[in-house]
Amino acid sequence: MQNCIIENNTCVDFSTGIHVNEAPYCTIRYNTATDNTRNGINIRYSDYSVVTYNFLKDNNHHGFAIIGLSAYNVIHHNTFIDNSKAETYTIDGTRTGEINSQGIDEGHYNYWYDNDTKQGNFWSDYSGKGIYEIDGPANAVDIYPMQIAENTKKSTSPFFPIILSSSIIVILTVFQKRRSKNSKEL
């Protein structure tokens, strides 16, 4: 499968929240993956995917993992909060390592930032200085990491205010249309 769109999902208490395998050109956005025993989102042997605006919190291993020789993926504007609770990770029962960051990259030429906006991802463990190093043999980095506001760390999703205001706008629009229709009938 290729050109898939995975969006607006909530994955809680799975082994891996979202797993994409051998599926190039995918868009993975606006998902929430929390409290999974392994990774929040995992892409394996998949190239040219865009992973944005996902909320990854309290996953035992990495919040986001690029497994195998996946290349040319772009990962930015995701929120990583308190992932990587385990000390080590195991991939396919053969590759293991220490967990030092909330992401892992085994591929090559993957970009953990948006070069146009010069913005990367939000990291709860980012000190506010320098780059954010990603675990794995790719030696990947987020060169434009962003800090998380303290109140965002406690929320269930950073998209709640957006969803709430969008819902209010839809309700008001429907109410206004009904009101106009009722006025015309009188």
N, C-alpha and C. Protein backbone atom coordinates (compact mmCIF):
# COMPACT_ATOMS: atom_id res chain seq x y z
N MET A 1 0.84 -1.17 0.00
CA MET A 1 0.00 0.00 0.00
C MET A 1 0.89 1.24 0.00
N GLN A 2 0.48 2.26 -0.68
CA GLN A 2 1.19 3.53 -0.66
C GLN A 2 0.19 4.66 -0.72
N ASN A 3 0.66 5.87 -0.48
CA ASN A 3 -0.18 7.06 -0.49
C ASN A 3 -1.33 7.00 0.50
N CYS A 4 -1.12 6.36 1.64
CA CYS A 4 -2.18 6.27 2.63
C CYS A 4 -2.21 7.53 3.49
N ILE A 5 -3.34 7.80 4.05
CA ILE A 5 -3.50 8.91 5.00
C ILE A 5 -4.03 8.30 6.30
N ILE A 6 -3.28 8.52 7.36
CA ILE A 6 -3.67 8.03 8.68
C ILE A 6 -3.83 9.27 9.54
N GLU A 7 -5.06 9.59 9.92
CA GLU A 7 -5.28 10.82 10.68
C GLU A 7 -6.44 10.68 11.66
N ASN A 8 -6.36 11.51 12.70
CA ASN A 8 -7.42 11.63 13.70
C ASN A 8 -7.73 10.33 14.44
N ASN A 9 -6.71 9.55 14.74
CA ASN A 9 -6.88 8.32 15.51
C ASN A 9 -6.37 8.51 16.93
N THR A 10 -6.93 7.76 17.85
CA THR A 10 -6.44 7.73 19.22
C THR A 10 -6.07 6.29 19.53
N CYS A 11 -4.81 6.08 19.88
CA CYS A 11 -4.29 4.74 20.15
C CYS A 11 -3.73 4.70 21.56
N VAL A 12 -4.41 4.00 22.45
CA VAL A 12 -4.01 3.94 23.86
C VAL A 12 -3.90 2.49 24.28
N ASP A 13 -2.81 2.18 25.01
CA ASP A 13 -2.60 0.85 25.58
C ASP A 13 -2.48 -0.28 24.55
N PHE A 14 -1.86 0.00 23.41
CA PHE A 14 -1.51 -1.04 22.44
C PHE A 14 -0.05 -1.41 22.66
N SER A 15 0.44 -2.35 21.87
CA SER A 15 1.88 -2.60 21.84
C SER A 15 2.53 -1.41 21.15
N THR A 16 2.16 -1.16 19.90
CA THR A 16 2.55 0.04 19.16
C THR A 16 1.27 0.72 18.71
N GLY A 17 1.18 2.02 18.91
CA GLY A 17 -0.05 2.73 18.58
C GLY A 17 -0.40 2.65 17.10
N ILE A 18 0.47 3.13 16.24
CA ILE A 18 0.28 3.09 14.79
C ILE A 18 1.53 2.47 14.19
N HIS A 19 1.34 1.47 13.32
CA HIS A 19 2.47 0.78 12.70
C HIS A 19 2.26 0.77 11.19
N VAL A 20 3.20 1.36 10.46
CA VAL A 20 3.15 1.40 9.00
C VAL A 20 4.33 0.57 8.49
N ASN A 21 4.06 -0.40 7.62
CA ASN A 21 5.10 -1.30 7.14
C ASN A 21 5.11 -1.32 5.62
N GLU A 22 6.26 -1.01 5.02
CA GLU A 22 6.44 -1.03 3.57
C GLU A 22 5.33 -0.25 2.85
N ALA A 23 5.10 0.96 3.30
CA ALA A 23 4.05 1.81 2.73
C ALA A 23 4.62 3.21 2.49
N PRO A 24 5.16 3.46 1.29
CA PRO A 24 5.74 4.77 1.01
C PRO A 24 4.67 5.84 0.75
N TYR A 25 5.10 7.09 0.83
CA TYR A 25 4.28 8.26 0.52
C TYR A 25 3.02 8.36 1.39
N CYS A 26 3.15 8.04 2.66
CA CYS A 26 2.01 8.14 3.57
C CYS A 26 2.01 9.49 4.29
N THR A 27 0.84 9.90 4.71
CA THR A 27 0.67 11.07 5.54
C THR A 27 0.10 10.59 6.87
N ILE A 28 0.82 10.90 7.95
CA ILE A 28 0.38 10.49 9.29
C ILE A 28 0.26 11.76 10.10
N ARG A 29 -0.96 12.16 10.42
CA ARG A 29 -1.15 13.46 11.07
C ARG A 29 -2.36 13.46 12.02
N TYR A 30 -2.26 14.35 13.00
CA TYR A 30 -3.34 14.59 13.97
C TYR A 30 -3.78 13.33 14.72
N ASN A 31 -2.85 12.46 15.03
CA ASN A 31 -3.14 11.26 15.81
C ASN A 31 -2.65 11.45 17.24
N THR A 32 -3.24 10.70 18.14
CA THR A 32 -2.80 10.67 19.54
C THR A 32 -2.42 9.23 19.87
N ALA A 33 -1.19 9.05 20.35
CA ALA A 33 -0.72 7.72 20.75
C ALA A 33 -0.14 7.85 22.16
N THR A 34 -0.81 7.25 23.12
CA THR A 34 -0.38 7.36 24.52
C THR A 34 -0.40 6.00 25.20
N ASP A 35 0.50 5.87 26.18
CA ASP A 35 0.53 4.71 27.07
C ASP A 35 0.66 3.38 26.34
N ASN A 36 1.37 3.35 25.21
CA ASN A 36 1.61 2.09 24.50
C ASN A 36 2.87 1.43 25.05
N THR A 37 2.90 0.09 25.05
CA THR A 37 4.02 -0.60 25.68
C THR A 37 5.31 -0.51 24.88
N ARG A 38 5.23 -0.23 23.60
CA ARG A 38 6.43 -0.05 22.79
C ARG A 38 6.44 1.38 22.25
N ASN A 39 6.29 1.58 20.95
CA ASN A 39 6.35 2.91 20.35
C ASN A 39 4.96 3.50 20.12
N GLY A 40 4.90 4.82 20.11
CA GLY A 40 3.64 5.49 19.79
C GLY A 40 3.30 5.33 18.33
N ILE A 41 4.23 5.72 17.44
CA ILE A 41 4.09 5.55 15.99
C ILE A 41 5.38 4.93 15.47
N ASN A 42 5.22 4.00 14.56
CA ASN A 42 6.34 3.23 14.02
C ASN A 42 6.20 3.20 12.50
N ILE A 43 7.22 3.59 11.75
CA ILE A 43 7.21 3.32 10.31
C ILE A 43 8.40 2.42 10.00
N ARG A 44 8.16 1.44 9.19
CA ARG A 44 9.17 0.40 8.91
C ARG A 44 9.30 0.24 7.39
N TYR A 45 10.53 0.39 6.91
CA TYR A 45 10.81 0.24 5.48
C TYR A 45 9.82 1.04 4.62
N SER A 46 9.61 2.27 5.00
CA SER A 46 8.67 3.15 4.30
C SER A 46 9.36 4.47 4.02
N ASP A 47 9.29 4.93 2.79
CA ASP A 47 9.97 6.14 2.35
C ASP A 47 8.98 7.25 2.01
N TYR A 48 9.49 8.49 2.02
CA TYR A 48 8.77 9.67 1.56
C TYR A 48 7.45 9.92 2.28
N SER A 49 7.38 9.63 3.55
CA SER A 49 6.17 9.90 4.32
C SER A 49 6.31 11.21 5.08
N VAL A 50 5.19 11.81 5.41
CA VAL A 50 5.17 13.06 6.18
C VAL A 50 4.40 12.77 7.47
N VAL A 51 5.05 13.04 8.59
CA VAL A 51 4.48 12.75 9.91
C VAL A 51 4.40 14.07 10.67
N THR A 52 3.19 14.60 10.86
CA THR A 52 3.03 15.92 11.47
C THR A 52 1.85 15.98 12.44
N TYR A 53 1.97 16.87 13.40
CA TYR A 53 0.89 17.23 14.33
C TYR A 53 0.32 16.04 15.11
N ASN A 54 1.16 15.10 15.46
CA ASN A 54 0.75 13.97 16.28
C ASN A 54 1.11 14.25 17.74
N PHE A 55 0.34 13.70 18.65
CA PHE A 55 0.55 13.87 20.08
C PHE A 55 0.99 12.53 20.64
N LEU A 56 2.23 12.45 21.12
CA LEU A 56 2.83 11.19 21.55
C LEU A 56 3.24 11.34 23.01
N LYS A 57 2.58 10.60 23.89
CA LYS A 57 2.82 10.78 25.31
C LYS A 57 2.85 9.44 26.05
N ASP A 58 3.80 9.33 26.97
CA ASP A 58 3.89 8.19 27.90
C ASP A 58 3.97 6.83 27.21
N ASN A 59 4.58 6.77 26.04
CA ASN A 59 4.84 5.48 25.40
C ASN A 59 6.11 4.90 26.00
N ASN A 60 6.12 3.61 26.27
CA ASN A 60 7.22 3.00 27.02
C ASN A 60 8.55 3.08 26.28
N HIS A 61 8.55 2.86 24.98
CA HIS A 61 9.78 2.99 24.20
C HIS A 61 9.77 4.39 23.58
N HIS A 62 10.01 4.52 22.32
CA HIS A 62 10.07 5.84 21.68
C HIS A 62 8.68 6.33 21.29
N GLY A 63 8.52 7.63 21.27
CA GLY A 63 7.26 8.20 20.80
C GLY A 63 7.08 7.93 19.32
N PHE A 64 8.18 8.09 18.55
CA PHE A 64 8.14 7.83 17.11
C PHE A 64 9.40 7.06 16.72
N ALA A 65 9.23 6.03 15.88
CA ALA A 65 10.36 5.18 15.49
C ALA A 65 10.38 4.99 13.98
N ILE A 66 11.56 5.18 13.40
CA ILE A 66 11.80 4.85 11.99
C ILE A 66 12.67 3.60 12.01
N ILE A 67 12.10 2.49 11.54
CA ILE A 67 12.76 1.20 11.62
C ILE A 67 13.20 0.75 10.23
N GLY A 68 14.39 0.20 10.14
CA GLY A 68 14.91 -0.29 8.87
C GLY A 68 15.40 0.85 8.00
N LEU A 69 15.62 0.55 6.75
CA LEU A 69 16.21 1.53 5.85
C LEU A 69 15.16 2.46 5.23
N SER A 70 14.34 3.05 6.05
CA SER A 70 13.36 4.03 5.60
C SER A 70 14.09 5.33 5.31
N ALA A 71 13.69 6.01 4.24
CA ALA A 71 14.42 7.23 3.84
C ALA A 71 13.48 8.33 3.38
N TYR A 72 13.98 9.56 3.47
CA TYR A 72 13.31 10.77 2.97
C TYR A 72 11.96 11.02 3.62
N ASN A 73 11.81 10.64 4.87
CA ASN A 73 10.61 10.95 5.63
C ASN A 73 10.80 12.29 6.32
N VAL A 74 9.72 13.01 6.50
CA VAL A 74 9.77 14.32 7.14
C VAL A 74 8.87 14.27 8.38
N ILE A 75 9.46 14.63 9.52
CA ILE A 75 8.77 14.53 10.81
C ILE A 75 8.86 15.89 11.49
N HIS A 76 7.74 16.59 11.65
CA HIS A 76 7.79 17.89 12.33
C HIS A 76 6.45 18.25 12.95
N HIS A 77 6.50 19.18 13.87
CA HIS A 77 5.35 19.70 14.61
C HIS A 77 4.58 18.62 15.38
N ASN A 78 5.29 17.57 15.77
CA ASN A 78 4.72 16.55 16.64
C ASN A 78 5.05 16.92 18.08
N THR A 79 4.22 16.51 19.01
CA THR A 79 4.45 16.79 20.42
C THR A 79 4.84 15.50 21.12
N PHE A 80 6.05 15.48 21.69
CA PHE A 80 6.59 14.33 22.40
C PHE A 80 6.63 14.65 23.89
N ILE A 81 5.86 13.92 24.69
CA ILE A 81 5.83 14.17 26.13
C ILE A 81 6.10 12.87 26.89
N ASP A 82 7.19 12.88 27.62
CA ASP A 82 7.54 11.80 28.56
C ASP A 82 7.46 10.40 27.97
N ASN A 83 7.92 10.23 26.73
CA ASN A 83 8.06 8.90 26.15
C ASN A 83 9.40 8.33 26.61
N SER A 84 9.71 7.13 26.19
CA SER A 84 11.00 6.51 26.47
C SER A 84 11.21 6.25 27.95
N LYS A 85 10.26 5.60 28.56
CA LYS A 85 10.34 5.28 29.98
C LYS A 85 11.26 4.08 30.24
N ALA A 86 11.39 3.20 29.27
CA ALA A 86 12.27 2.04 29.42
C ALA A 86 13.73 2.49 29.27
N GLU A 87 14.64 1.73 29.81
CA GLU A 87 16.06 2.07 29.68
C GLU A 87 16.64 1.59 28.36
N THR A 88 16.10 0.48 27.81
CA THR A 88 16.60 -0.06 26.56
C THR A 88 15.43 -0.42 25.65
N TYR A 89 15.73 -0.59 24.37
CA TYR A 89 14.73 -1.00 23.40
C TYR A 89 15.25 -2.22 22.65
N THR A 90 14.34 -2.99 22.07
CA THR A 90 14.70 -4.12 21.23
C THR A 90 13.85 -4.03 19.96
N ILE A 91 14.51 -4.18 18.81
CA ILE A 91 13.81 -4.16 17.53
C ILE A 91 14.01 -5.51 16.87
N ASP A 92 12.91 -6.16 16.53
CA ASP A 92 12.93 -7.47 15.87
C ASP A 92 13.72 -8.51 16.65
N GLY A 93 13.87 -8.33 17.94
CA GLY A 93 14.57 -9.28 18.78
C GLY A 93 16.07 -9.35 18.55
N THR A 94 16.59 -8.51 17.65
CA THR A 94 18.03 -8.58 17.33
C THR A 94 18.78 -7.29 17.62
N ARG A 95 18.14 -6.16 17.40
CA ARG A 95 18.83 -4.89 17.59
C ARG A 95 18.35 -4.26 18.89
N THR A 96 19.27 -3.94 19.74
CA THR A 96 18.93 -3.32 21.01
C THR A 96 19.81 -2.10 21.23
N GLY A 97 19.37 -1.27 22.14
CA GLY A 97 20.16 -0.10 22.47
C GLY A 97 19.59 0.62 23.65
N GLU A 98 20.34 1.57 24.15
CA GLU A 98 19.86 2.42 25.24
C GLU A 98 18.91 3.47 24.69
N ILE A 99 17.94 3.82 25.49
CA ILE A 99 17.02 4.88 25.10
C ILE A 99 17.51 6.19 25.72
N ASN A 100 17.85 7.13 24.84
CA ASN A 100 18.32 8.44 25.29
C ASN A 100 17.44 9.58 24.80
N SER A 101 16.55 9.30 23.86
CA SER A 101 15.67 10.35 23.33
C SER A 101 14.27 9.77 23.14
N GLN A 102 13.36 10.60 22.69
CA GLN A 102 11.98 10.17 22.50
C GLN A 102 11.70 9.69 21.08
N GLY A 103 12.74 9.66 20.23
CA GLY A 103 12.62 9.18 18.86
C GLY A 103 13.79 8.29 18.52
N ILE A 104 13.62 7.46 17.50
CA ILE A 104 14.71 6.61 17.00
C ILE A 104 14.65 6.60 15.48
N ASP A 105 15.83 6.58 14.86
CA ASP A 105 15.91 6.59 13.40
C ASP A 105 17.00 5.62 12.95
N GLU A 106 16.57 4.52 12.29
CA GLU A 106 17.51 3.56 11.72
C GLU A 106 17.74 3.80 10.23
N GLY A 107 17.01 4.72 9.66
CA GLY A 107 17.08 4.94 8.21
C GLY A 107 18.16 5.92 7.81
N HIS A 108 17.90 6.64 6.73
CA HIS A 108 18.83 7.67 6.28
C HIS A 108 18.06 8.75 5.50
N TYR A 109 18.60 9.95 5.55
CA TYR A 109 18.01 11.11 4.88
C TYR A 109 16.59 11.42 5.35
N ASN A 110 16.31 11.16 6.60
CA ASN A 110 15.03 11.55 7.20
C ASN A 110 15.22 12.91 7.87
N TYR A 111 14.20 13.73 7.81
CA TYR A 111 14.29 15.08 8.34
C TYR A 111 13.31 15.24 9.49
N TRP A 112 13.85 15.52 10.66
CA TRP A 112 13.05 15.67 11.88
C TRP A 112 12.69 17.14 12.09
N TYR A 113 12.45 17.86 11.03
CA TYR A 113 12.10 19.28 11.09
C TYR A 113 11.54 19.69 9.73
N ASP A 114 10.90 20.87 9.72
CA ASP A 114 10.38 21.47 8.49
C ASP A 114 11.37 22.54 8.06
N ASN A 115 12.04 22.32 6.96
CA ASN A 115 13.06 23.25 6.50
C ASN A 115 12.47 24.59 6.08
N ASP A 116 11.22 24.62 5.61
CA ASP A 116 10.59 25.87 5.18
C ASP A 116 10.31 26.80 6.36
N THR A 117 9.72 26.25 7.42
CA THR A 117 9.36 27.08 8.58
C THR A 117 10.48 27.18 9.60
N LYS A 118 11.52 26.35 9.43
CA LYS A 118 12.63 26.28 10.40
C LYS A 118 12.10 25.91 11.78
N GLN A 119 11.19 24.93 11.81
CA GLN A 119 10.63 24.42 13.05
C GLN A 119 10.67 22.90 13.03
N GLY A 120 10.91 22.33 14.21
CA GLY A 120 10.97 20.88 14.33
C GLY A 120 9.79 20.35 15.10
N ASN A 121 10.09 19.63 16.15
CA ASN A 121 9.08 19.00 16.99
C ASN A 121 9.14 19.58 18.40
N PHE A 122 8.07 19.38 19.15
CA PHE A 122 8.02 19.78 20.55
C PHE A 122 8.50 18.60 21.39
N TRP A 123 9.48 18.82 22.26
CA TRP A 123 10.08 17.76 23.08
C TRP A 123 10.00 18.15 24.55
N SER A 124 9.40 17.31 25.38
CA SER A 124 9.28 17.64 26.80
C SER A 124 10.63 17.61 27.51
N ASP A 125 11.61 16.90 26.95
CA ASP A 125 12.93 16.82 27.59
C ASP A 125 13.98 17.71 26.91
N TYR A 126 13.54 18.63 26.07
CA TYR A 126 14.47 19.54 25.40
C TYR A 126 14.80 20.69 26.34
N SER A 127 16.09 20.97 26.47
CA SER A 127 16.56 22.00 27.42
C SER A 127 16.39 23.42 26.91
N GLY A 128 16.12 23.59 25.63
CA GLY A 128 15.98 24.93 25.08
C GLY A 128 17.25 25.42 24.39
N LYS A 129 18.29 24.60 24.39
CA LYS A 129 19.55 25.00 23.76
C LYS A 129 20.04 23.92 22.82
N GLY A 130 20.47 24.33 21.64
CA GLY A 130 21.08 23.40 20.70
C GLY A 130 20.10 22.52 19.95
N ILE A 131 20.61 21.42 19.43
CA ILE A 131 19.82 20.48 18.65
C ILE A 131 19.24 19.41 19.58
N TYR A 132 18.33 18.62 19.05
CA TYR A 132 17.79 17.47 19.78
C TYR A 132 18.27 16.22 19.06
N GLU A 133 19.06 15.40 19.73
CA GLU A 133 19.61 14.18 19.13
C GLU A 133 18.61 13.04 19.20
N ILE A 134 18.49 12.32 18.09
CA ILE A 134 17.57 11.20 17.95
C ILE A 134 18.37 9.91 18.09
N ASP A 135 17.86 8.94 18.87
CA ASP A 135 18.52 7.63 19.00
C ASP A 135 18.61 6.94 17.64
N GLY A 136 19.55 6.01 17.52
CA GLY A 136 19.64 5.15 16.35
C GLY A 136 20.85 5.40 15.49
N PRO A 137 21.15 4.44 14.61
CA PRO A 137 22.35 4.50 13.77
C PRO A 137 22.34 5.60 12.71
N ALA A 138 21.21 6.23 12.45
CA ALA A 138 21.16 7.30 11.45
C ALA A 138 21.85 8.57 11.95
N ASN A 139 22.08 8.65 13.26
CA ASN A 139 22.63 9.88 13.86
C ASN A 139 21.81 11.11 13.48
N ALA A 140 20.49 10.94 13.47
CA ALA A 140 19.57 12.01 13.09
C ALA A 140 19.44 13.02 14.21
N VAL A 141 19.07 14.25 13.83
CA VAL A 141 18.85 15.32 14.80
C VAL A 141 17.67 16.17 14.36
N ASP A 142 17.02 16.76 15.34
CA ASP A 142 16.03 17.80 15.09
C ASP A 142 16.81 19.10 15.27
N ILE A 143 17.09 19.80 14.17
CA ILE A 143 17.92 21.01 14.27
C ILE A 143 17.11 22.24 14.69
N TYR A 144 15.79 22.10 14.71
CA TYR A 144 14.92 23.20 15.15
C TYR A 144 13.96 22.72 16.24
N PRO A 145 14.46 22.09 17.30
CA PRO A 145 13.55 21.58 18.33
C PRO A 145 12.85 22.71 19.07
N MET A 146 11.68 22.41 19.60
CA MET A 146 10.90 23.42 20.32
C MET A 146 10.55 22.90 21.71
N GLN A 147 10.53 23.80 22.67
CA GLN A 147 10.14 23.44 24.03
C GLN A 147 8.63 23.40 24.14
N ILE A 148 8.17 22.67 25.11
CA ILE A 148 6.74 22.53 25.36
C ILE A 148 6.36 23.40 26.54
N ALA A 149 5.26 24.13 26.38
CA ALA A 149 4.74 24.91 27.50
C ALA A 149 4.28 23.96 28.59
N GLU A 150 4.46 24.33 29.82
CA GLU A 150 4.15 23.46 30.97
C GLU A 150 2.69 23.00 30.95
N ASN A 151 1.75 23.87 30.56
CA ASN A 151 0.34 23.48 30.55
C ASN A 151 0.03 22.46 29.45
N THR A 152 0.81 22.41 28.37
CA THR A 152 0.60 21.42 27.32
C THR A 152 0.97 20.03 27.81
N LYS A 153 1.96 19.93 28.69
CA LYS A 153 2.38 18.62 29.20
C LYS A 153 1.25 17.93 29.95
N LYS A 154 0.36 18.70 30.53
CA LYS A 154 -0.72 18.14 31.34
C LYS A 154 -1.97 17.85 30.55
N SER A 155 -2.12 18.46 29.37
CA SER A 155 -3.36 18.28 28.61
C SER A 155 -3.38 16.91 27.95
N THR A 156 -4.56 16.47 27.55
CA THR A 156 -4.68 15.19 26.89
C THR A 156 -4.31 15.30 25.42
N SER A 157 -4.48 16.45 24.84
CA SER A 157 -4.11 16.65 23.45
C SER A 157 -3.92 18.14 23.20
N PRO A 158 -2.87 18.52 22.46
CA PRO A 158 -2.67 19.93 22.17
C PRO A 158 -3.69 20.46 21.17
N PHE A 159 -4.48 19.60 20.57
CA PHE A 159 -5.44 20.02 19.58
C PHE A 159 -6.81 20.33 20.18
N PHE A 160 -6.96 20.12 21.49
CA PHE A 160 -8.25 20.35 22.14
C PHE A 160 -8.78 21.77 21.91
N PRO A 161 -7.97 22.83 22.10
CA PRO A 161 -8.49 24.17 21.85
C PRO A 161 -8.93 24.37 20.40
N ILE A 162 -8.21 23.79 19.45
CA ILE A 162 -8.57 23.91 18.04
C ILE A 162 -9.88 23.19 17.78
N ILE A 163 -10.01 21.99 18.30
CA ILE A 163 -11.23 21.20 18.11
C ILE A 163 -12.41 21.91 18.77
N LEU A 164 -12.21 22.43 19.97
CA LEU A 164 -13.29 23.11 20.68
C LEU A 164 -13.75 24.34 19.90
N SER A 165 -12.83 25.18 19.45
CA SER A 165 -13.23 26.39 18.74
C SER A 165 -13.87 26.04 17.40
N SER A 166 -13.38 25.01 16.71
CA SER A 166 -14.00 24.58 15.46
C SER A 166 -15.42 24.08 15.70
N SER A 167 -15.62 23.34 16.78
CA SER A 167 -16.96 22.84 17.11
C SER A 167 -17.91 23.98 17.40
N ILE A 168 -17.46 24.97 18.12
CA ILE A 168 -18.30 26.13 18.42
C ILE A 168 -18.68 26.86 17.15
N ILE A 169 -17.74 27.02 16.23
CA ILE A 169 -18.02 27.70 14.96
C ILE A 169 -19.06 26.92 14.17
N VAL A 170 -18.94 25.60 14.11
CA VAL A 170 -19.91 24.77 13.38
C VAL A 170 -21.28 24.89 14.02
N ILE A 171 -21.36 24.83 15.33
CA ILE A 171 -22.64 24.94 16.03
C ILE A 171 -23.28 26.29 15.77
N LEU A 172 -22.49 27.34 15.86
CA LEU A 172 -23.03 28.68 15.62
C LEU A 172 -23.50 28.85 14.17
N THR A 173 -22.77 28.28 13.23
CA THR A 173 -23.16 28.35 11.83
C THR A 173 -24.47 27.63 11.59
N VAL A 174 -24.62 26.45 12.14
CA VAL A 174 -25.86 25.69 12.01
C VAL A 174 -27.02 26.46 12.66
N PHE A 175 -26.77 26.99 13.85
CA PHE A 175 -27.80 27.75 14.55
C PHE A 175 -28.22 28.96 13.72
N GLN A 176 -27.26 29.67 13.14
CA GLN A 176 -27.54 30.85 12.33
C GLN A 176 -28.36 30.48 11.10
N LYS A 177 -28.02 29.37 10.43
CA LYS A 177 -28.77 28.94 9.25
C LYS A 177 -30.21 28.57 9.62
N ARG A 178 -30.38 27.88 10.74
CA ARG A 178 -31.74 27.52 11.17
C ARG A 178 -32.54 28.76 11.52
N ARG A 179 -31.89 29.69 12.16
CA ARG A 179 -32.56 30.93 12.54
C ARG A 179 -32.99 31.70 11.30
N SER A 180 -32.13 31.78 10.29
CA SER A 180 -32.46 32.46 9.04
C SER A 180 -33.61 31.76 8.33
N LYS A 181 -33.60 30.44 8.32
CA LYS A 181 -34.64 29.66 7.66
C LYS A 181 -35.98 29.89 8.37
N ASN A 182 -35.97 29.88 9.70
CA ASN A 182 -37.20 30.11 10.46
C ASN A 182 -37.72 31.53 10.25
N SER A 183 -36.85 32.50 10.12
CA SER A 183 -37.26 33.89 9.88
C SER A 183 -37.95 34.02 8.53
N LYS A 184 -37.45 33.33 7.52
CA LYS A 184 -38.03 33.37 6.19
C LYS A 184 -39.39 32.73 6.15
N GLU A 185 -39.60 31.70 6.97
CA GLU A 185 -40.88 30.98 6.98
C GLU A 185 -41.97 31.81 7.64
N LEU A 186 -41.61 32.74 8.50
CA LEU A 186 -42.60 33.57 9.18
C LEU A 186 -43.05 34.63 8.24
